[in-house]
Protein backbone atom coordinates (compact mmCIF):
# COMPACT_ATOMS: atom_id res chain seq x y z
CA MET A 1 -17.26 136.52 106.95
CA THR A 2 -18.20 132.85 107.17
CA ASP A 3 -19.21 130.69 104.19
CA GLU A 4 -22.79 130.77 105.51
CA GLN A 5 -22.80 134.56 105.63
CA PHE A 6 -21.26 134.65 102.15
CA SER A 7 -24.01 132.39 100.76
CA GLU A 8 -26.61 134.64 102.39
CA LEU A 9 -24.97 137.65 100.74
CA ILE A 10 -25.04 135.93 97.33
CA ALA A 11 -28.72 135.08 97.78
CA LEU A 12 -29.58 138.74 98.46
CA LEU A 13 -27.42 140.05 95.60
CA VAL A 14 -29.88 140.69 92.80
CA HIS A 15 -27.88 143.66 91.49
CA GLU A 16 -24.66 145.49 92.33
CA GLN A 17 -24.80 147.85 95.30
CA ARG A 18 -22.69 150.87 96.15
CA GLY A 19 -20.70 148.76 98.60
CA ILE A 20 -20.45 145.57 96.51
CA GLU A 21 -18.94 145.02 93.05
CA VAL A 22 -18.66 141.65 91.29
CA LYS A 23 -16.19 140.43 88.68
CA GLY A 24 -16.26 137.31 86.57
CA PRO A 25 -13.87 134.39 86.96
CA GLY A 26 -10.39 134.54 85.46
CA LEU A 27 -6.67 134.72 86.10
CA ARG A 28 -5.10 137.60 87.95
CA THR A 29 -2.61 137.69 85.09
CA ASP A 30 -5.44 138.58 82.71
CA ARG A 31 -4.58 142.23 82.07
CA GLN A 32 -8.15 143.40 81.50
CA LEU A 33 -9.60 141.58 84.52
CA ALA A 34 -6.78 142.73 86.80
CA ALA A 35 -7.30 146.35 85.71
CA LYS A 36 -11.04 146.13 86.40
CA VAL A 37 -10.41 144.70 89.87
CA VAL A 38 -7.91 147.52 90.58
CA ARG A 39 -10.42 150.10 89.38
CA ALA A 40 -13.09 148.64 91.69
CA ALA A 41 -10.66 148.62 94.62
CA LEU A 42 -9.70 152.26 94.02
CA SER A 43 -13.36 153.28 94.09
CA MET A 44 -14.19 151.23 97.21
CA SER A 45 -11.23 152.73 99.07
CA ASN A 46 -12.69 156.18 98.36
CA ARG A 47 -16.09 155.15 99.80
CA ARG A 48 -17.13 155.56 103.42
CA THR A 49 -16.67 152.17 105.19
CA GLY A 50 -15.04 150.75 102.03
CA GLY A 51 -16.71 147.83 100.29
CA LEU A 52 -16.56 144.29 98.93
CA ILE A 53 -15.31 142.92 95.60
CA ILE A 54 -16.36 139.36 94.74
CA ILE A 55 -14.36 137.58 92.03
CA GLY A 56 -16.04 134.60 90.38
CA ILE A 57 -19.52 135.92 89.56
CA ASP A 58 -20.52 136.37 85.92
CA GLU A 59 -22.84 139.23 85.03
CA GLN A 60 -24.87 139.15 81.82
CA ASN A 61 -27.75 141.49 81.06
CA GLY A 62 -27.95 142.49 84.71
CA ALA A 63 -28.23 138.87 85.95
CA PHE A 64 -25.60 137.32 88.23
CA THR A 65 -24.33 133.74 87.87
CA PRO A 66 -22.01 132.57 90.71
CA THR A 67 -19.72 130.28 88.69
CA GLY A 68 -16.70 130.36 91.01
CA LEU A 69 -12.99 130.02 90.22
CA SER A 70 -11.04 127.02 88.93
CA ASP A 71 -7.99 125.74 90.85
CA VAL A 72 -5.69 127.40 88.32
CA GLU A 73 -7.52 130.74 88.53
CA LEU A 74 -7.73 130.70 92.32
CA ALA A 75 -3.99 130.06 92.65
CA THR A 76 -3.27 133.41 90.97
CA TRP A 77 -5.32 135.42 93.49
CA ARG A 78 -2.98 135.16 96.46
CA TYR A 79 -2.86 138.06 98.93
CA ASP A 80 0.77 138.97 98.19
CA ASP A 81 0.16 139.02 94.43
CA VAL A 82 -2.98 141.15 94.76
CA SER A 83 -1.17 143.50 97.15
CA THR A 84 1.62 143.93 94.59
CA LEU A 85 -0.98 144.58 91.88
CA PHE A 86 -2.70 147.26 93.95
CA ALA A 87 0.64 148.88 94.85
CA LEU A 88 1.37 149.41 91.15
CA TYR A 89 -1.72 151.55 90.68
CA ALA A 90 -2.81 153.03 94.03
CA ASP A 91 -1.44 156.14 95.75
CA PRO A 92 -1.61 156.07 98.74
CA PRO A 93 -1.70 152.26 99.19
CA ILE A 94 -4.99 150.38 99.52
CA SER A 95 -5.68 148.50 102.74
CA PHE A 96 -7.64 145.28 102.21
CA ARG A 97 -8.29 141.74 103.36
CA LEU A 98 -8.57 138.69 101.07
CA GLU A 99 -10.72 135.67 101.83
CA VAL A 100 -11.58 132.55 99.86
CA ARG A 101 -15.23 131.67 100.35
CA VAL A 102 -17.27 128.62 99.27
CA HIS A 103 -20.82 128.75 97.90
CA ASN A 104 -22.53 125.69 96.38
CA GLU A 105 -19.14 123.90 96.36
CA GLN A 106 -17.64 126.67 94.20
CA ARG A 107 -14.82 128.91 95.43
CA PHE A 108 -14.74 132.70 95.21
CA VAL A 109 -12.26 135.42 96.15
CA LEU A 110 -13.69 138.07 98.47
CA LEU A 111 -11.75 141.33 98.74
CA ASN A 112 -12.80 143.48 101.70
CA ILE A 113 -11.51 146.97 100.86
CA ASP A 114 -11.01 149.49 103.67
CA GLU A 115 -11.80 153.18 103.24
CA PHE A 116 -8.73 155.40 102.87
CA SER A 117 -7.02 156.31 106.14
CA ASP A 118 -5.92 159.91 105.50
CA ILE A 119 -6.40 161.18 101.94
CA PRO A 120 -8.32 159.84 98.90
CA VAL A 121 -6.64 157.18 96.78
CA LEU A 122 -5.66 158.13 93.21
CA CYS A 123 -4.64 156.01 90.22
CA ARG A 124 -0.89 156.36 89.74
CA ARG A 125 -0.48 154.92 86.23
CA ASP A 126 -2.36 154.19 83.00
CA ASN A 127 -3.76 150.85 81.91
CA ASP A 128 -5.71 151.86 78.83
CA PRO A 129 -8.66 151.78 78.45
CA VAL A 130 -9.61 150.84 82.03
CA LEU A 131 -7.32 153.00 84.19
CA ARG A 132 -6.09 156.56 83.78
CA GLU A 133 -3.14 158.08 85.62
CA GLY A 134 -4.27 160.73 88.12
CA ALA A 135 -7.92 159.65 88.08
CA CYS A 136 -9.97 159.54 91.29
CA TYR A 137 -12.49 156.69 91.08
CA VAL A 138 -15.62 156.53 93.26
CA ARG A 139 -18.86 154.55 93.53
CA SER A 140 -21.42 156.80 91.88
CA ARG A 141 -24.52 158.01 93.72
CA ARG A 142 -26.62 157.82 90.57
CA ARG A 143 -26.20 154.08 90.11
CA PRO A 144 -23.92 151.42 91.64
CA GLU A 145 -20.95 151.65 89.29
CA THR A 146 -17.30 152.65 89.43
CA ALA A 147 -16.50 155.91 87.66
CA GLU A 148 -14.28 158.94 87.78
CA ILE A 149 -16.05 161.50 89.98
CA PRO A 150 -19.23 162.03 87.91
CA SER A 151 -21.05 164.77 89.82
CA HIS A 152 -20.72 167.56 92.35
CA ALA A 153 -22.60 165.37 94.88
CA ASP A 154 -20.01 162.58 94.58
CA MET A 155 -17.20 165.13 94.89
CA ARG A 156 -18.85 166.59 97.99
CA ASP A 157 -19.12 163.11 99.57
CA LEU A 158 -15.41 162.53 99.04
CA ILE A 159 -14.40 165.95 100.35
CA GLU A 160 -16.65 165.49 103.38
CA LEU A 161 -15.08 162.11 104.18
CA ALA A 162 -11.55 163.50 103.90
CA THR A 163 -12.49 166.50 106.03
CA GLU A 164 -14.04 164.27 108.69
CA LYS A 165 -10.83 162.26 108.89
CA GLY A 166 -8.89 165.45 109.43
CA ILE A 167 -11.31 166.47 112.16
CA LYS A 168 -10.97 163.05 113.80
CA ARG A 169 -7.18 163.33 113.85
CA PHE A 170 -7.37 166.83 115.31
CA LEU A 171 -9.94 165.89 117.95
CA GLY A 172 -7.95 162.78 118.82
CA GLN A 173 -4.90 164.94 119.48
CA MET A 174 -7.02 167.32 121.55
CA GLN A 175 -8.47 164.43 123.54
CA THR A 176 -5.01 162.98 124.17
CA GLY A 177 -3.89 166.38 125.43
CA GLY A 178 -6.82 166.57 127.85
CA ILE A 179 -8.39 169.57 126.08
CA SER A 180 -12.16 169.69 125.54
CA ILE A 181 -13.70 171.99 122.93
CA SER A 182 -17.19 171.67 124.37
CA GLU A 183 -17.99 174.41 126.89
CA VAL A 184 -21.66 173.78 127.48
CA VAL A 185 -23.25 170.44 128.38
CA GLN A 186 -26.90 170.58 127.31
CA ALA A 187 -29.63 169.09 129.46
CA GLN A 188 -31.42 165.95 128.29
CA ASP A 189 -35.00 166.16 127.07
CA GLU A 190 -35.71 162.45 127.37
CA ALA A 191 -39.50 162.64 127.58
CA LEU A 192 -39.81 164.37 124.19
CA PHE A 193 -37.53 161.83 122.52
CA ASP A 194 -39.52 158.96 124.08
CA GLN A 195 -42.79 160.45 122.82
CA GLN A 196 -41.53 160.04 119.26
CA HIS A 197 -41.73 156.26 119.67
CA GLN A 198 -45.38 156.27 120.69
CA GLY A 199 -47.44 154.21 118.26
CA TRP A 200 -44.41 152.35 116.91
CA GLU A 201 -45.67 148.79 117.07
CA GLY A 202 -46.84 145.88 114.93
CA GLY A 203 -45.23 144.54 111.76
CA LEU A 204 -41.78 143.01 111.96
CA LEU A 205 -41.12 144.77 115.27
CA GLU A 206 -43.89 142.73 116.89
CA GLN A 207 -42.32 139.51 115.57
CA LEU A 208 -38.84 140.51 116.70
CA GLN A 209 -39.49 141.57 120.29
CA PRO A 210 -40.50 138.22 121.89
CA ARG A 211 -36.99 136.84 121.25
CA GLY A 212 -33.64 138.15 122.38
CA HIS A 213 -32.69 141.42 120.72
CA TRP A 214 -30.69 144.60 121.00
CA LYS A 215 -32.28 148.03 121.08
CA VAL A 216 -29.90 150.83 120.17
CA THR A 217 -30.62 154.55 120.47
CA ILE A 218 -28.25 157.29 119.34
CA ARG A 219 -29.45 160.88 119.59
CA PRO A 220 -28.53 164.41 120.59
CA SER A 221 -28.74 165.13 124.30
CA THR A 222 -31.19 167.97 123.65
CA PHE A 223 -34.43 167.81 121.69
CA ALA A 224 -35.28 169.75 118.55
CA ARG A 225 -38.14 168.27 116.55
CA GLU A 226 -36.88 169.42 113.14
CA ARG A 227 -33.15 169.42 113.65
CA VAL A 228 -33.02 167.89 110.15
CA THR A 229 -35.09 170.29 108.08
CA ASP A 230 -34.90 168.30 104.84
CA MET A 231 -36.43 164.82 105.16
CA ALA A 232 -34.69 163.78 101.94
CA SER A 233 -31.29 164.07 103.64
CA LEU A 234 -32.05 161.41 106.27
CA LEU A 235 -31.45 158.36 104.06
CA PRO A 236 -28.11 159.52 102.52
CA LEU A 237 -26.86 160.34 106.01
CA LEU A 238 -27.38 156.72 107.09
CA MET A 239 -26.23 155.10 103.84
CA ASN A 240 -22.92 156.94 103.93
CA ARG A 241 -22.20 155.88 107.52
CA SER A 242 -23.34 152.26 107.78
CA VAL A 243 -20.46 150.26 109.31
CA ASN A 244 -19.02 147.12 107.71
CA LEU A 245 -18.60 144.48 110.43
CA GLY A 246 -16.72 141.99 108.28
CA GLY A 247 -19.50 141.22 105.82
CA TRP A 248 -22.57 142.32 107.78
CA TYR A 249 -23.53 145.89 108.50
CA PHE A 250 -24.79 148.11 111.28
CA PRO A 251 -27.24 149.43 110.44
CA LEU A 252 -28.24 147.59 107.27
CA VAL A 253 -29.65 150.22 104.89
CA LEU A 254 -31.24 149.00 101.64
CA ALA A 255 -32.48 152.41 100.43
CA ASN A 256 -36.17 151.50 100.37
CA PRO A 257 -37.53 153.20 103.49
CA ILE A 258 -41.07 153.65 104.75
CA VAL A 259 -41.66 157.40 105.21
CA GLY A 260 -43.61 158.72 108.20
CA ASN A 261 -44.56 162.17 109.41
CA ASP A 262 -41.11 163.00 110.78
CA TRP A 263 -39.14 159.77 110.27
CA ILE A 264 -37.98 157.14 107.83
CA MET A 265 -37.93 153.42 108.66
CA GLU A 266 -36.82 150.08 107.22
CA GLU A 267 -38.05 146.63 108.23
CA LEU A 268 -35.44 144.04 107.24
CA ASN A 269 -36.54 140.42 107.52
CA LYS A 270 -33.07 138.92 107.09
CA PRO A 271 -32.51 135.14 107.32
CA SER A 272 -29.84 135.66 109.99
CA ALA A 273 -32.00 137.90 112.22
CA PRO A 274 -34.61 140.62 111.70
CA GLU A 275 -33.76 144.30 112.05
CA VAL A 276 -36.02 147.37 112.24
CA TRP A 277 -34.77 150.95 112.45
CA ARG A 278 -36.15 154.47 112.46
CA PHE A 279 -34.39 157.78 111.89
CA TYR A 280 -36.19 160.94 112.96
CA GLN A 281 -35.87 164.58 111.94
CA SER A 282 -34.87 165.21 115.56
CA ALA A 283 -31.69 163.23 114.66
CA GLN A 284 -32.75 160.38 116.94
CA PHE A 285 -31.80 156.97 115.52
CA THR A 286 -33.27 153.79 117.03
CA ASP A 287 -32.52 150.25 115.85
CA TYR A 288 -34.05 146.96 116.99
CA PHE A 289 -31.55 144.23 116.06
CA GLY A 290 -32.50 140.58 116.58
CA MET A 291 -29.93 138.32 118.24
CA TRP A 292 -28.84 135.98 115.47
CA GLU A 293 -28.35 133.30 118.14
CA ASP A 294 -32.16 133.13 118.43
CA TRP A 295 -32.95 133.20 114.70
CA ARG A 296 -30.34 131.26 112.72
CA ASN A 297 -31.48 127.73 111.87
CA ASP A 298 -28.22 125.99 111.09
CA ASN A 299 -28.17 122.95 113.37
CA ARG A 300 -26.49 124.67 116.28
CA HIS A 301 -26.72 122.92 119.62
CA TRP A 302 -28.99 125.35 121.40
CA GLN A 303 -32.50 126.75 121.35
CA PRO A 304 -33.65 130.41 121.14
CA GLY A 305 -33.08 132.14 124.47
CA GLU A 306 -30.20 129.92 125.58
CA VAL A 307 -27.01 131.55 124.25
CA LEU A 308 -25.32 134.89 123.63
CA MET A 309 -22.06 134.65 121.71
CA PHE A 310 -19.22 136.58 123.31
CA GLU A 311 -17.58 137.59 120.02
CA SER A 312 -20.84 138.69 118.42
CA ALA A 313 -21.59 141.01 121.34
CA VAL A 314 -18.16 142.64 121.15
CA THR A 315 -18.40 143.05 117.36
CA LEU A 316 -21.90 144.56 117.41
CA VAL A 317 -21.24 147.00 120.26
CA THR A 318 -18.03 148.13 118.57
CA GLY A 319 -19.93 148.66 115.31
CA ILE A 320 -22.56 150.70 117.18
CA PHE A 321 -19.95 153.05 118.59
CA VAL A 322 -18.10 153.40 115.28
CA PHE A 323 -21.42 154.20 113.58
CA ALA A 324 -22.13 156.82 116.28
CA SER A 325 -18.72 158.37 115.72
CA GLN A 326 -19.46 158.56 111.98
CA LEU A 327 -22.68 160.43 112.74
CA ALA A 328 -20.87 162.69 115.18
CA VAL A 329 -18.57 164.13 112.50
CA SER A 330 -21.42 164.88 110.08
CA ASP A 331 -22.65 168.44 109.58
CA LEU A 332 -25.85 167.54 111.43
CA TYR A 333 -24.04 166.78 114.69
CA GLN A 334 -21.18 169.30 114.56
CA MET A 335 -22.95 171.92 116.69
CA LEU A 336 -23.80 169.43 119.48
CA SER A 337 -21.84 169.39 122.70
CA SER A 338 -22.93 165.89 123.70
CA ILE A 339 -24.54 162.78 122.24
CA HIS A 340 -26.67 160.29 124.12
CA MET A 341 -26.16 156.56 123.55
CA GLU A 342 -28.33 153.78 124.89
CA ILE A 343 -27.77 150.07 124.29
CA GLN A 344 -30.38 147.70 125.67
CA VAL A 345 -29.88 143.95 125.55
CA MET A 346 -33.25 142.26 125.93
CA GLY A 347 -34.21 138.71 126.83
CA ILE A 348 -31.03 137.56 128.58
CA GLN A 349 -32.45 135.88 131.70
CA ASN A 350 -30.99 132.35 131.99
CA ARG A 351 -29.06 132.97 128.78
CA GLN A 352 -25.50 131.62 128.75
CA LEU A 353 -22.51 133.53 127.45
CA LYS A 354 -20.38 131.39 125.13
CA TYR A 355 -17.23 131.83 123.10
CA GLU A 356 -17.92 131.53 119.38
CA ALA A 357 -14.63 130.07 118.13
CA GLY A 358 -14.50 126.32 118.58
CA ALA A 359 -16.71 123.80 120.28
CA GLY A 360 -16.04 124.90 123.83
CA SER A 361 -15.88 128.15 125.72
CA LEU A 362 -12.80 130.23 126.41
CA PHE A 363 -14.23 130.86 129.85
CA LEU A 364 -16.30 128.98 132.38
CA PRO A 365 -20.06 129.12 131.71
CA HIS A 366 -21.67 132.45 132.62
CA THR A 367 -25.43 132.92 132.98
CA SER A 368 -27.52 136.08 133.37
CA ALA A 369 -30.11 136.27 136.15
CA ILE A 370 -31.79 139.45 134.86
CA PRO A 371 -34.21 139.75 131.91
CA ASP A 372 -32.74 142.93 130.40
CA TYR A 373 -29.89 145.36 130.84
CA THR A 374 -29.52 148.95 129.67
CA TYR A 375 -26.21 150.71 129.17
CA LYS A 376 -26.64 154.44 128.67
CA GLN A 377 -24.24 157.34 128.69
CA ASP A 378 -23.84 160.87 127.35
CA PHE A 379 -20.56 161.43 125.54
CA SER A 380 -18.97 164.62 124.39
CA ARG A 381 -18.82 164.77 120.62
CA GLU A 382 -15.02 165.01 120.82
CA GLU A 383 -14.49 161.79 122.78
CA LEU A 384 -16.99 159.86 120.65
CA VAL A 385 -15.21 160.92 117.46
CA ALA A 386 -11.71 160.39 118.85
CA THR A 387 -12.03 157.07 120.72
CA PRO A 388 -15.12 155.07 119.63
CA LYS A 389 -13.48 151.66 119.93
CA GLU A 390 -12.15 152.35 123.42
CA LEU A 391 -15.59 153.53 124.53
CA ALA A 392 -17.11 150.40 123.01
CA LEU A 393 -14.81 148.17 125.06
CA HIS A 394 -15.98 149.72 128.33
CA ALA A 395 -19.64 149.55 127.24
CA VAL A 396 -19.56 145.90 126.18
CA LYS A 397 -17.71 144.95 129.36
CA GLN A 398 -20.50 146.53 131.42
CA ILE A 399 -23.01 144.44 129.46
CA LEU A 400 -21.05 141.19 129.82
CA LEU A 401 -20.56 141.76 133.56
CA ARG A 402 -24.31 141.05 133.89
CA PHE A 403 -23.41 137.40 133.27
CA SER A 404 -22.26 135.58 136.42
CA ASN A 405 -18.55 135.65 137.25
CA PHE A 406 -17.51 137.30 133.99
CA THR A 407 -13.86 138.25 134.40
CA ALA A 408 -12.38 138.72 130.90
CA PRO A 409 -9.92 141.66 130.83
CA LEU A 410 -10.26 144.48 128.31
CA ALA A 411 -7.27 143.05 126.41
CA VAL A 412 -9.35 139.99 125.45
CA LEU A 413 -12.17 142.21 124.16
CA GLN A 414 -9.67 144.35 122.29
CA GLY A 415 -8.25 141.24 120.61
CA ILE A 416 -11.68 140.50 119.13
CA GLN A 417 -11.94 144.08 117.86
CA GLU A 418 -8.59 143.74 116.13
CA ARG A 419 -9.56 140.46 114.45
CA VAL A 420 -12.74 141.96 113.03
CA GLN A 421 -10.84 145.10 111.92
CA ILE A 422 -13.79 147.46 112.09
């Protein structure tokens, strides 16, 4: 996450969210503060896609004040020291990244906590009254707070996540062994899925489409209008699977959807770039995602329509595939033999591909001669669950090959994936 993205996050943070917890300034050696940070980290590690902890924001009566950390306080929040602190209390260990971010000339510690890799993380020792040995902390569904598992719904979320990880490991082993569980490949019913989009126009979508944007569709290969019988289950399904791309999310879900006849929708007029998505009872998900290169006004040396950043494309496409793999292990998708994915990149004619890190480009300039490109493919559920990042590499390379003389090997794309740590 850049300082600019961090400032944008602070501006949007009017209250804590399930994926974000804030703590006031102080020393890591402050026993109470350290225990509260550990407790937050334990809960975020037990949440799908993990979450963020920001240290240096005061909260009083529900209002946030970003005061930042002093030099003395900041010096105590080094990665090695925080890692040692977490190791004292977490079993199994917590995986995280630590960044120091600047907002209004004040410094903050940002802890990006990963979800657990195999089994839920438990507290291994007491620190009364904040931590209890053997406790399993989660981010509650009822309100954005850290608590020991407060309800059967929170317990079910945790069990489902652990089960999905077990399924992923099993399917990965099956895929490696060349064994496919799917026996029947269902025929596409594309016309019926397309009909669902009829009449979707106006509003933020109309503002978004004239500029460069991505259109992403993830759906079953076969059509069933009410595959999701309970409309109320659509929003939790998305919220629990939104992918953290290092401080921004795909898709961004703010839990305030517009409800249609057989769909829910959010229109998100973000400063970085607008986003509009719909999720249908047929289990079709479609997201229009504005290219930030055409929307950010931060004195960059290009105009809308001129540039597509190489790293941003790799990050977004990887996030799309990881999100699809998260959907694929849900109960809704478990009976499907194949899943259709479609990624359209729109408004790329005469657009130049550039490398984001540094003033120059890692490669020679590459320009697209076509207005749009569509990558689409049906994947077996097993391969999408087992190897989403590998599939993303091949997809994004097909997209980038539409820019003249693009020759970057997959290893370069994989290096970007590893830096983002999706």
